[in-house]
Amino acid sequence: MRHRGVAAVAAVAVLGLSGCADRPNDLDTYYDDPAPAAKPSAPAPKPPAPSSSLLPPPKPNPATFPGLTDDDLSDEGVHRVANKPVTGCLAELPEGTTKDEHWQYSSGASLVQRVTHYGSGADVLKDFTCDGQERTIPKVARASAQRVSCEGDTCTVLVAWQPYVLGLQVTASTPTRALDTAKRLAPILGEKIR
């Protein structure tokens, strides 16, 4: 019997002590309600997906650029020739995505077209000047800006329309012929920028 009493006292002591195991051993606060368990923190938010306005714009496709075609130049008596590096005013344009085309007259005169895609063609031409003498021709329809420059027997017409600068460079036997051809072709170029 004595063993049962000792066992009962030991059991009560163990149970009593285990009841205190999760509480601070401070008699002033022992009977207070236990502090609430900390709530698990919310997971960190995922970074937002990139906005389409932050993505770089797709690279422009030169095949879709406006400009003169063989059909537009059928009355000029030109034939297409292999592209070669552009020179003069066209070569001085700021770098961009370009499409170049070259034609030649039976007389040996040449016509080069360079169409360049920028953010804004008008902004490019606003402060742009190239070597040569500035000339004036009638305003090209629908163009937001234009420049004409002649150096020697080469004249270049630059027309801004939306993100494009369309350039025509005519090299002829005389400066007068080059400018006359540029004046004649500029309105046709205006028809391509609708």
N, C-alpha and C. Protein backbone atom coordinates (compact mmCIF):
# COMPACT_ATOMS: atom_id res chain seq x y z
N MET A 1 0.81 -1.19 0.00
CA MET A 1 0.00 0.00 0.00
C MET A 1 0.85 1.25 0.00
N ARG A 2 1.88 1.12 0.68
CA ARG A 2 2.76 2.27 0.78
C ARG A 2 3.32 2.63 -0.59
N HIS A 3 3.59 1.63 -1.38
CA HIS A 3 4.12 1.87 -2.73
C HIS A 3 3.09 2.58 -3.61
N ARG A 4 1.83 2.21 -3.40
CA ARG A 4 0.80 2.88 -4.21
C ARG A 4 0.68 4.34 -3.85
N GLY A 5 0.83 4.70 -2.65
CA GLY A 5 0.75 6.11 -2.23
C GLY A 5 1.89 6.93 -2.77
N VAL A 6 3.07 6.32 -2.76
CA VAL A 6 4.24 7.02 -3.29
C VAL A 6 4.07 7.20 -4.80
N ALA A 7 3.56 6.17 -5.45
CA ALA A 7 3.35 6.25 -6.90
C ALA A 7 2.32 7.31 -7.22
N ALA A 8 1.26 7.41 -6.42
CA ALA A 8 0.22 8.40 -6.68
C ALA A 8 0.76 9.81 -6.49
N VAL A 9 1.57 10.01 -5.45
CA VAL A 9 2.16 11.33 -5.20
C VAL A 9 3.11 11.68 -6.34
N ALA A 10 3.89 10.70 -6.80
CA ALA A 10 4.82 10.96 -7.90
C ALA A 10 4.07 11.32 -9.17
N ALA A 11 2.95 10.62 -9.43
CA ALA A 11 2.17 10.90 -10.65
C ALA A 11 1.59 12.30 -10.60
N VAL A 12 1.07 12.71 -9.43
CA VAL A 12 0.50 14.05 -9.29
C VAL A 12 1.60 15.09 -9.48
N ALA A 13 2.77 14.83 -8.94
CA ALA A 13 3.87 15.78 -9.08
C ALA A 13 4.29 15.93 -10.54
N VAL A 14 4.38 14.80 -11.24
CA VAL A 14 4.77 14.86 -12.67
C VAL A 14 3.72 15.60 -13.46
N LEU A 15 2.46 15.28 -13.22
CA LEU A 15 1.39 15.98 -13.95
C LEU A 15 1.36 17.45 -13.61
N GLY A 16 1.56 17.77 -12.38
CA GLY A 16 1.56 19.16 -11.96
C GLY A 16 2.69 19.94 -12.58
N LEU A 17 3.86 19.34 -12.60
CA LEU A 17 5.01 20.02 -13.19
C LEU A 17 4.87 20.13 -14.71
N SER A 18 4.32 19.11 -15.33
CA SER A 18 4.18 19.19 -16.79
C SER A 18 3.17 20.25 -17.20
N GLY A 19 2.24 20.57 -16.33
CA GLY A 19 1.27 21.62 -16.64
C GLY A 19 1.92 22.99 -16.69
N CYS A 20 3.06 23.13 -16.08
CA CYS A 20 3.76 24.42 -16.07
C CYS A 20 4.77 24.53 -17.19
N ALA A 21 4.96 23.48 -17.91
CA ALA A 21 6.06 23.45 -18.88
C ALA A 21 5.93 24.50 -19.96
N ASP A 22 4.71 24.86 -20.36
CA ASP A 22 4.58 25.82 -21.46
C ASP A 22 4.31 27.24 -20.98
N ARG A 23 4.50 27.50 -19.68
CA ARG A 23 4.23 28.82 -19.14
C ARG A 23 5.48 29.36 -18.49
N PRO A 24 5.65 30.68 -18.54
CA PRO A 24 6.82 31.24 -17.88
C PRO A 24 6.79 30.98 -16.38
N ASN A 25 7.93 30.87 -15.81
CA ASN A 25 8.04 30.55 -14.39
C ASN A 25 8.07 31.83 -13.56
N ASP A 26 7.07 32.66 -13.73
CA ASP A 26 6.97 33.94 -13.02
C ASP A 26 5.63 33.92 -12.30
N LEU A 27 5.64 33.88 -10.96
CA LEU A 27 4.40 33.76 -10.21
C LEU A 27 3.50 34.97 -10.36
N ASP A 28 4.09 36.14 -10.71
CA ASP A 28 3.24 37.33 -10.90
C ASP A 28 2.36 37.20 -12.14
N THR A 29 2.82 36.48 -13.13
CA THR A 29 2.06 36.39 -14.38
C THR A 29 1.59 34.98 -14.69
N TYR A 30 1.85 34.05 -13.78
CA TYR A 30 1.57 32.65 -14.05
C TYR A 30 0.09 32.41 -14.37
N TYR A 31 -0.80 33.10 -13.67
CA TYR A 31 -2.23 32.86 -13.84
C TYR A 31 -2.87 33.75 -14.91
N ASP A 32 -2.09 34.61 -15.55
CA ASP A 32 -2.62 35.42 -16.67
C ASP A 32 -2.85 34.51 -17.87
N ASP A 33 -3.71 34.96 -18.76
CA ASP A 33 -3.92 34.19 -19.99
C ASP A 33 -2.62 34.17 -20.78
N PRO A 34 -2.29 33.05 -21.39
CA PRO A 34 -1.05 33.00 -22.16
C PRO A 34 -1.12 33.94 -23.36
N ALA A 35 0.03 34.45 -23.78
CA ALA A 35 0.09 35.36 -24.95
C ALA A 35 -0.35 34.59 -26.19
N PRO A 36 -1.10 35.24 -27.07
CA PRO A 36 -1.53 34.53 -28.29
C PRO A 36 -0.32 34.14 -29.13
N ALA A 37 -0.45 33.01 -29.75
CA ALA A 37 0.64 32.55 -30.62
C ALA A 37 0.78 33.50 -31.80
N ALA A 38 2.00 33.72 -32.21
CA ALA A 38 2.25 34.61 -33.34
C ALA A 38 1.64 34.02 -34.60
N LYS A 39 0.97 34.88 -35.37
CA LYS A 39 0.38 34.41 -36.63
C LYS A 39 1.49 34.23 -37.64
N PRO A 40 1.38 33.21 -38.44
CA PRO A 40 2.41 33.05 -39.47
C PRO A 40 2.36 34.24 -40.43
N SER A 41 3.53 34.72 -40.80
CA SER A 41 3.56 35.88 -41.69
C SER A 41 3.11 35.47 -43.09
N ALA A 42 2.49 36.42 -43.76
CA ALA A 42 2.01 36.15 -45.12
C ALA A 42 3.22 36.00 -46.03
N PRO A 43 3.11 35.16 -47.03
CA PRO A 43 4.25 35.01 -47.95
C PRO A 43 4.52 36.33 -48.66
N ALA A 44 5.77 36.54 -49.00
CA ALA A 44 6.15 37.78 -49.70
C ALA A 44 5.42 37.83 -51.03
N PRO A 45 4.90 39.02 -51.38
CA PRO A 45 4.18 39.11 -52.66
C PRO A 45 5.13 38.88 -53.83
N LYS A 46 4.58 38.28 -54.87
CA LYS A 46 5.39 38.05 -56.08
C LYS A 46 5.54 39.37 -56.82
N PRO A 47 6.68 39.60 -57.46
CA PRO A 47 6.81 40.83 -58.23
C PRO A 47 5.82 40.80 -59.38
N PRO A 48 5.27 41.96 -59.72
CA PRO A 48 4.28 41.98 -60.80
C PRO A 48 4.93 41.59 -62.13
N ALA A 49 4.11 41.01 -62.97
CA ALA A 49 4.59 40.66 -64.31
C ALA A 49 4.91 41.96 -65.04
N PRO A 50 5.92 41.95 -65.91
CA PRO A 50 6.27 43.19 -66.61
C PRO A 50 5.09 43.71 -67.42
N SER A 51 4.88 45.00 -67.29
CA SER A 51 3.82 45.64 -68.06
C SER A 51 4.23 45.70 -69.53
N SER A 52 3.24 45.65 -70.40
CA SER A 52 3.57 45.71 -71.83
C SER A 52 4.22 47.03 -72.18
N SER A 53 3.98 48.08 -71.37
CA SER A 53 4.62 49.37 -71.65
C SER A 53 6.10 49.35 -71.29
N LEU A 54 6.51 48.37 -70.43
CA LEU A 54 7.91 48.29 -70.06
C LEU A 54 8.70 47.38 -71.01
N LEU A 55 8.00 46.58 -71.78
CA LEU A 55 8.68 45.69 -72.71
C LEU A 55 9.19 46.49 -73.90
N PRO A 56 10.33 46.12 -74.46
CA PRO A 56 10.80 46.85 -75.63
C PRO A 56 9.85 46.62 -76.80
N PRO A 57 9.66 47.65 -77.63
CA PRO A 57 8.76 47.48 -78.76
C PRO A 57 9.33 46.45 -79.73
N PRO A 58 8.46 45.79 -80.48
CA PRO A 58 8.99 44.82 -81.44
C PRO A 58 9.83 45.53 -82.50
N LYS A 59 10.83 44.83 -82.98
CA LYS A 59 11.70 45.41 -84.00
C LYS A 59 10.90 45.61 -85.29
N PRO A 60 10.99 46.80 -85.90
CA PRO A 60 10.21 47.05 -87.11
C PRO A 60 10.68 46.17 -88.27
N ASN A 61 9.74 45.83 -89.13
CA ASN A 61 10.03 44.99 -90.29
C ASN A 61 10.22 45.86 -91.51
N PRO A 62 11.44 45.96 -92.05
CA PRO A 62 11.67 46.84 -93.21
C PRO A 62 10.79 46.52 -94.42
N ALA A 63 10.32 45.28 -94.53
CA ALA A 63 9.47 44.92 -95.67
C ALA A 63 8.16 45.71 -95.66
N THR A 64 7.77 46.22 -94.49
CA THR A 64 6.51 46.97 -94.40
C THR A 64 6.72 48.49 -94.49
N PHE A 65 7.95 48.94 -94.64
CA PHE A 65 8.23 50.38 -94.68
C PHE A 65 7.60 51.01 -95.92
N PRO A 66 7.13 52.26 -95.80
CA PRO A 66 6.62 52.96 -96.97
C PRO A 66 7.79 53.37 -97.87
N GLY A 67 7.46 53.77 -99.07
CA GLY A 67 8.49 54.27 -99.98
C GLY A 67 8.14 53.98 -101.43
N LEU A 68 8.97 54.48 -102.31
CA LEU A 68 8.74 54.29 -103.75
C LEU A 68 9.05 52.86 -104.15
N THR A 69 8.29 52.38 -105.14
CA THR A 69 8.48 51.03 -105.67
C THR A 69 8.85 51.12 -107.15
N ASP A 70 9.17 49.99 -107.75
CA ASP A 70 9.46 49.96 -109.19
C ASP A 70 8.28 50.50 -109.99
N ASP A 71 7.06 50.16 -109.57
CA ASP A 71 5.87 50.66 -110.28
C ASP A 71 5.77 52.18 -110.20
N ASP A 72 6.09 52.75 -109.04
CA ASP A 72 6.03 54.20 -108.89
C ASP A 72 7.03 54.91 -109.81
N LEU A 73 8.12 54.22 -110.13
CA LEU A 73 9.19 54.83 -110.93
C LEU A 73 9.16 54.38 -112.39
N SER A 74 8.08 53.74 -112.82
CA SER A 74 8.03 53.21 -114.19
C SER A 74 8.19 54.30 -115.24
N ASP A 75 7.71 55.50 -114.99
CA ASP A 75 7.84 56.60 -115.96
C ASP A 75 9.23 57.23 -115.94
N GLU A 76 10.04 56.87 -114.96
CA GLU A 76 11.37 57.46 -114.84
C GLU A 76 12.40 56.76 -115.73
N GLY A 77 12.07 55.57 -116.19
CA GLY A 77 13.03 54.85 -117.03
C GLY A 77 14.24 54.35 -116.25
N VAL A 78 14.01 53.94 -115.01
CA VAL A 78 15.11 53.43 -114.19
C VAL A 78 15.01 51.91 -114.09
N HIS A 79 16.12 51.29 -113.76
CA HIS A 79 16.12 49.86 -113.46
C HIS A 79 16.84 49.66 -112.14
N ARG A 80 16.39 48.64 -111.43
CA ARG A 80 16.96 48.36 -110.11
C ARG A 80 18.38 47.83 -110.26
N VAL A 81 19.25 48.28 -109.36
CA VAL A 81 20.64 47.80 -109.33
C VAL A 81 20.95 47.32 -107.92
N ALA A 82 22.03 46.59 -107.79
CA ALA A 82 22.42 46.06 -106.48
C ALA A 82 22.69 47.20 -105.50
N ASN A 83 22.30 46.95 -104.26
CA ASN A 83 22.56 47.95 -103.21
C ASN A 83 24.06 48.07 -102.95
N LYS A 84 24.47 49.29 -102.70
CA LYS A 84 25.85 49.55 -102.28
C LYS A 84 25.79 50.52 -101.12
N PRO A 85 26.86 50.76 -100.43
CA PRO A 85 26.80 51.67 -99.28
C PRO A 85 26.30 53.06 -99.70
N VAL A 86 25.41 53.61 -98.88
CA VAL A 86 24.92 54.96 -99.17
C VAL A 86 25.99 55.96 -98.77
N THR A 87 25.94 57.10 -99.41
CA THR A 87 26.91 58.17 -99.15
C THR A 87 26.16 59.48 -98.97
N GLY A 88 26.91 60.53 -98.74
CA GLY A 88 26.33 61.87 -98.66
C GLY A 88 25.33 62.02 -97.52
N CYS A 89 24.30 62.79 -97.79
CA CYS A 89 23.33 63.15 -96.76
C CYS A 89 22.64 61.92 -96.17
N LEU A 90 22.32 60.93 -96.99
CA LEU A 90 21.65 59.73 -96.47
C LEU A 90 22.53 59.01 -95.45
N ALA A 91 23.82 59.00 -95.68
CA ALA A 91 24.74 58.32 -94.76
C ALA A 91 24.87 59.07 -93.44
N GLU A 92 24.52 60.36 -93.42
CA GLU A 92 24.65 61.17 -92.22
C GLU A 92 23.45 61.06 -91.28
N LEU A 93 22.38 60.41 -91.73
CA LEU A 93 21.21 60.24 -90.87
C LEU A 93 21.59 59.41 -89.64
N PRO A 94 20.96 59.70 -88.50
CA PRO A 94 21.24 58.87 -87.32
C PRO A 94 20.89 57.41 -87.58
N GLU A 95 21.56 56.54 -86.85
CA GLU A 95 21.35 55.11 -87.04
C GLU A 95 19.93 54.71 -86.65
N GLY A 96 19.38 53.79 -87.40
CA GLY A 96 18.05 53.25 -87.14
C GLY A 96 17.88 51.99 -87.98
N THR A 97 16.68 51.43 -87.97
CA THR A 97 16.40 50.28 -88.83
C THR A 97 16.09 50.82 -90.22
N THR A 98 16.85 50.39 -91.22
CA THR A 98 16.73 50.99 -92.55
C THR A 98 16.39 49.96 -93.61
N LYS A 99 15.85 50.52 -94.70
CA LYS A 99 15.65 49.75 -95.93
C LYS A 99 16.21 50.62 -97.05
N ASP A 100 17.17 50.09 -97.79
CA ASP A 100 17.78 50.83 -98.91
C ASP A 100 17.39 50.18 -100.23
N GLU A 101 17.20 51.02 -101.25
CA GLU A 101 16.94 50.54 -102.60
C GLU A 101 17.66 51.46 -103.58
N HIS A 102 18.19 50.87 -104.64
CA HIS A 102 18.99 51.61 -105.62
C HIS A 102 18.43 51.38 -107.02
N TRP A 103 18.35 52.47 -107.79
CA TRP A 103 17.95 52.40 -109.20
C TRP A 103 18.96 53.21 -110.02
N GLN A 104 18.98 52.91 -111.31
CA GLN A 104 19.87 53.67 -112.20
C GLN A 104 19.11 54.03 -113.48
N TYR A 105 19.38 55.26 -113.96
CA TYR A 105 18.84 55.72 -115.23
C TYR A 105 19.75 55.23 -116.35
N SER A 106 19.19 55.17 -117.57
CA SER A 106 20.02 54.75 -118.72
C SER A 106 21.14 55.77 -118.98
N SER A 107 20.94 57.01 -118.55
CA SER A 107 21.96 58.04 -118.72
C SER A 107 23.14 57.85 -117.75
N GLY A 108 22.98 56.98 -116.77
CA GLY A 108 24.02 56.80 -115.76
C GLY A 108 23.69 57.49 -114.45
N ALA A 109 22.67 58.36 -114.46
CA ALA A 109 22.23 59.00 -113.21
C ALA A 109 21.69 57.92 -112.27
N SER A 110 21.73 58.21 -110.99
CA SER A 110 21.28 57.20 -110.02
C SER A 110 20.27 57.77 -109.05
N LEU A 111 19.51 56.85 -108.49
CA LEU A 111 18.48 57.19 -107.50
C LEU A 111 18.62 56.19 -106.35
N VAL A 112 18.75 56.71 -105.15
CA VAL A 112 18.85 55.87 -103.95
C VAL A 112 17.74 56.27 -103.00
N GLN A 113 17.06 55.28 -102.48
CA GLN A 113 16.03 55.52 -101.46
C GLN A 113 16.46 54.84 -100.17
N ARG A 114 16.40 55.59 -99.08
CA ARG A 114 16.65 55.02 -97.75
C ARG A 114 15.47 55.40 -96.87
N VAL A 115 14.81 54.39 -96.31
CA VAL A 115 13.72 54.61 -95.36
C VAL A 115 14.22 54.11 -94.02
N THR A 116 14.15 54.98 -93.00
CA THR A 116 14.66 54.65 -91.68
C THR A 116 13.56 54.79 -90.64
N HIS A 117 13.48 53.83 -89.76
CA HIS A 117 12.47 53.82 -88.70
C HIS A 117 13.09 54.35 -87.41
N TYR A 118 12.45 55.37 -86.83
CA TYR A 118 12.87 55.95 -85.55
C TYR A 118 11.65 55.99 -84.63
N GLY A 119 11.82 56.58 -83.45
CA GLY A 119 10.66 56.81 -82.58
C GLY A 119 9.75 57.87 -83.19
N SER A 120 10.36 58.92 -83.74
CA SER A 120 9.62 60.00 -84.39
C SER A 120 10.50 60.58 -85.50
N GLY A 121 10.06 60.44 -86.73
CA GLY A 121 10.81 60.98 -87.85
C GLY A 121 10.95 62.50 -87.78
N ALA A 122 9.88 63.18 -87.33
CA ALA A 122 9.92 64.64 -87.25
C ALA A 122 10.97 65.11 -86.25
N ASP A 123 11.10 64.39 -85.12
CA ASP A 123 12.11 64.77 -84.13
C ASP A 123 13.52 64.63 -84.70
N VAL A 124 13.73 63.62 -85.54
CA VAL A 124 15.05 63.42 -86.14
C VAL A 124 15.37 64.58 -87.08
N LEU A 125 14.41 64.98 -87.90
CA LEU A 125 14.67 66.04 -88.88
C LEU A 125 14.67 67.44 -88.28
N LYS A 126 14.12 67.60 -87.08
CA LYS A 126 14.01 68.93 -86.48
C LYS A 126 15.36 69.63 -86.42
N ASP A 127 16.37 68.93 -85.98
CA ASP A 127 17.69 69.54 -85.82
C ASP A 127 18.71 68.99 -86.81
N PHE A 128 18.27 68.20 -87.76
CA PHE A 128 19.21 67.54 -88.66
C PHE A 128 19.61 68.44 -89.82
N THR A 129 20.89 68.53 -90.06
CA THR A 129 21.41 69.18 -91.26
C THR A 129 22.52 68.29 -91.79
N CYS A 130 22.71 68.33 -93.08
CA CYS A 130 23.82 67.56 -93.65
C CYS A 130 24.64 68.48 -94.54
N ASP A 131 25.78 67.97 -94.94
CA ASP A 131 26.65 68.77 -95.79
C ASP A 131 25.92 69.15 -97.07
N GLY A 132 26.23 70.29 -97.58
CA GLY A 132 25.60 70.75 -98.82
C GLY A 132 24.78 72.01 -98.59
N GLN A 133 24.17 72.47 -99.65
CA GLN A 133 23.38 73.70 -99.60
C GLN A 133 21.91 73.35 -99.43
N GLU A 134 21.29 73.97 -98.43
CA GLU A 134 19.87 73.75 -98.22
C GLU A 134 19.07 74.32 -99.38
N ARG A 135 18.10 73.58 -99.85
CA ARG A 135 17.22 74.01 -100.94
C ARG A 135 15.78 73.96 -100.46
N THR A 136 14.92 74.62 -101.20
CA THR A 136 13.49 74.61 -100.88
C THR A 136 12.73 74.04 -102.06
N ILE A 137 11.82 73.10 -101.77
CA ILE A 137 10.92 72.57 -102.79
C ILE A 137 9.52 72.65 -102.21
N PRO A 138 8.48 72.51 -103.03
CA PRO A 138 7.12 72.53 -102.48
C PRO A 138 6.97 71.47 -101.38
N LYS A 139 6.12 71.79 -100.41
CA LYS A 139 5.92 70.87 -99.28
C LYS A 139 5.34 69.55 -99.78
N VAL A 140 5.92 68.48 -99.28
CA VAL A 140 5.42 67.14 -99.61
C VAL A 140 4.16 66.90 -98.80
N ALA A 141 3.09 66.47 -99.48
CA ALA A 141 1.80 66.25 -98.82
C ALA A 141 1.95 65.26 -97.67
N ARG A 142 1.30 65.57 -96.55
CA ARG A 142 1.24 64.74 -95.35
C ARG A 142 2.56 64.60 -94.60
N ALA A 143 3.63 65.20 -95.08
CA ALA A 143 4.91 65.13 -94.36
C ALA A 143 4.86 66.03 -93.13
N SER A 144 5.42 65.56 -92.01
CA SER A 144 5.44 66.38 -90.81
C SER A 144 6.68 67.26 -90.76
N ALA A 145 7.68 66.95 -91.57
CA ALA A 145 8.89 67.78 -91.70
C ALA A 145 9.61 67.33 -92.96
N GLN A 146 10.40 68.24 -93.54
CA GLN A 146 11.19 67.85 -94.71
C GLN A 146 12.44 68.70 -94.79
N ARG A 147 13.46 68.16 -95.44
CA ARG A 147 14.72 68.85 -95.68
C ARG A 147 15.17 68.49 -97.09
N VAL A 148 15.78 69.46 -97.76
CA VAL A 148 16.36 69.23 -99.08
C VAL A 148 17.76 69.83 -99.05
N SER A 149 18.71 69.04 -99.48
CA SER A 149 20.10 69.49 -99.49
C SER A 149 20.76 69.03 -100.77
N CYS A 150 21.55 69.92 -101.40
CA CYS A 150 22.27 69.57 -102.62
C CYS A 150 23.76 69.84 -102.41
N GLU A 151 24.56 68.88 -102.84
CA GLU A 151 26.00 69.05 -102.80
C GLU A 151 26.55 68.54 -104.12
N GLY A 152 27.14 69.45 -104.89
CA GLY A 152 27.63 69.08 -106.22
C GLY A 152 26.47 68.65 -107.10
N ASP A 153 26.59 67.48 -107.73
CA ASP A 153 25.54 67.01 -108.63
C ASP A 153 24.60 66.00 -107.94
N THR A 154 24.54 66.07 -106.60
CA THR A 154 23.66 65.18 -105.82
C THR A 154 22.71 66.00 -104.95
N CYS A 155 21.42 65.68 -105.05
CA CYS A 155 20.41 66.32 -104.21
C CYS A 155 19.66 65.25 -103.42
N THR A 156 19.39 65.57 -102.16
CA THR A 156 18.71 64.63 -101.27
C THR A 156 17.48 65.29 -100.68
N VAL A 157 16.36 64.58 -100.77
CA VAL A 157 15.10 65.00 -100.15
C VAL A 157 14.86 64.08 -98.96
N LEU A 158 14.63 64.67 -97.79
CA LEU A 158 14.31 63.90 -96.59
C LEU A 158 12.92 64.31 -96.11
N VAL A 159 12.06 63.32 -95.91
CA VAL A 159 10.68 63.57 -95.53
C VAL A 159 10.38 62.77 -94.26
N ALA A 160 9.82 63.43 -93.24
CA ALA A 160 9.42 62.74 -92.01
C ALA A 160 7.94 62.45 -92.05
N TRP A 161 7.60 61.24 -91.67
CA TRP A 161 6.21 60.84 -91.56
C TRP A 161 6.11 59.77 -90.49
N GLN A 162 5.37 60.06 -89.43
CA GLN A 162 5.20 59.17 -88.28
C GLN A 162 6.58 58.72 -87.77
N PRO A 163 6.88 57.40 -87.65
CA PRO A 163 8.20 57.06 -87.11
C PRO A 163 9.29 57.04 -88.17
N TYR A 164 8.96 57.39 -89.42
CA TYR A 164 9.90 57.22 -90.53
C TYR A 164 10.54 58.52 -91.00
N VAL A 165 11.75 58.37 -91.54
CA VAL A 165 12.35 59.39 -92.40
C VAL A 165 12.58 58.70 -93.73
N LEU A 166 11.95 59.24 -94.77
CA LEU A 166 12.11 58.70 -96.12
C LEU A 166 13.07 59.61 -96.86
N GLY A 167 14.12 59.05 -97.39
CA GLY A 167 15.13 59.83 -98.09
C GLY A 167 15.28 59.39 -99.53
N LEU A 168 15.32 60.37 -100.45
CA LEU A 168 15.61 60.13 -101.86
C LEU A 168 16.85 60.91 -102.23
N GLN A 169 17.80 60.26 -102.82
CA GLN A 169 19.04 60.91 -103.21
C GLN A 169 19.24 60.70 -104.71
N VAL A 170 19.31 61.82 -105.43
CA VAL A 170 19.47 61.78 -106.89
C VAL A 170 20.85 62.31 -107.25
N THR A 171 21.57 61.54 -108.02
CA THR A 171 22.85 61.99 -108.55
C THR A 171 22.71 62.03 -110.06
N ALA A 172 22.91 63.20 -110.65
CA ALA A 172 22.72 63.39 -112.09
C ALA A 172 23.95 64.05 -112.70
N SER A 173 23.86 64.35 -113.99
CA SER A 173 25.02 64.93 -114.68
C SER A 173 25.27 66.37 -114.28
N THR A 174 24.22 67.07 -113.80
CA THR A 174 24.38 68.46 -113.34
C THR A 174 23.57 68.67 -112.07
N PRO A 175 23.94 69.67 -111.26
CA PRO A 175 23.16 69.98 -110.06
C PRO A 175 21.71 70.32 -110.39
N THR A 176 21.47 71.03 -111.50
CA THR A 176 20.11 71.42 -111.87
C THR A 176 19.26 70.19 -112.17
N ARG A 177 19.82 69.24 -112.90
CA ARG A 177 19.07 68.02 -113.21
C ARG A 177 18.78 67.22 -111.94
N ALA A 178 19.72 67.17 -111.04
CA ALA A 178 19.51 66.44 -109.79
C ALA A 178 18.37 67.06 -108.99
N LEU A 179 18.36 68.40 -108.88
CA LEU A 179 17.30 69.07 -108.13
C LEU A 179 15.96 68.93 -108.83
N ASP A 180 15.93 69.05 -110.16
CA ASP A 180 14.67 68.90 -110.90
C ASP A 180 14.07 67.51 -110.70
N THR A 181 14.93 66.49 -110.72
CA THR A 181 14.44 65.12 -110.51
C THR A 181 13.92 64.95 -109.09
N ALA A 182 14.63 65.50 -108.11
CA ALA A 182 14.18 65.42 -106.72
C ALA A 182 12.82 66.10 -106.55
N LYS A 183 12.64 67.26 -107.18
CA LYS A 183 11.35 67.97 -107.11
C LYS A 183 10.24 67.15 -107.75
N ARG A 184 10.54 66.48 -108.83
CA ARG A 184 9.54 65.69 -109.56
C ARG A 184 9.12 64.45 -108.76
N LEU A 185 10.08 63.83 -108.05
CA LEU A 185 9.78 62.60 -107.33
C LEU A 185 9.20 62.83 -105.93
N ALA A 186 9.45 63.99 -105.33
CA ALA A 186 8.97 64.26 -103.97
C ALA A 186 7.46 64.13 -103.84
N PRO A 187 6.65 64.66 -104.76
CA PRO A 187 5.20 64.49 -104.62
C PRO A 187 4.76 63.02 -104.73
N ILE A 188 5.47 62.24 -105.54
CA ILE A 188 5.15 60.80 -105.64
C ILE A 188 5.43 60.14 -104.29
N LEU A 189 6.51 60.56 -103.66
CA LEU A 189 6.82 60.03 -102.34
C LEU A 189 5.71 60.38 -101.33
N GLY A 190 5.17 61.59 -101.47
CA GLY A 190 4.05 62.00 -100.60
C GLY A 190 2.85 61.10 -100.72
N GLU A 191 2.64 60.51 -101.90
CA GLU A 191 1.52 59.60 -102.09
C GLU A 191 1.71 58.30 -101.31
N LYS A 192 2.94 57.99 -100.94
CA LYS A 192 3.22 56.73 -100.24
C LYS A 192 3.03 56.85 -98.74
N ILE A 193 2.82 58.03 -98.23
CA ILE A 193 2.74 58.22 -96.77
C ILE A 193 1.34 58.60 -96.33
N ARG A 194 0.40 57.77 -96.62
CA ARG A 194 -1.00 58.01 -96.23
C ARG A 194 -1.28 57.41 -94.87
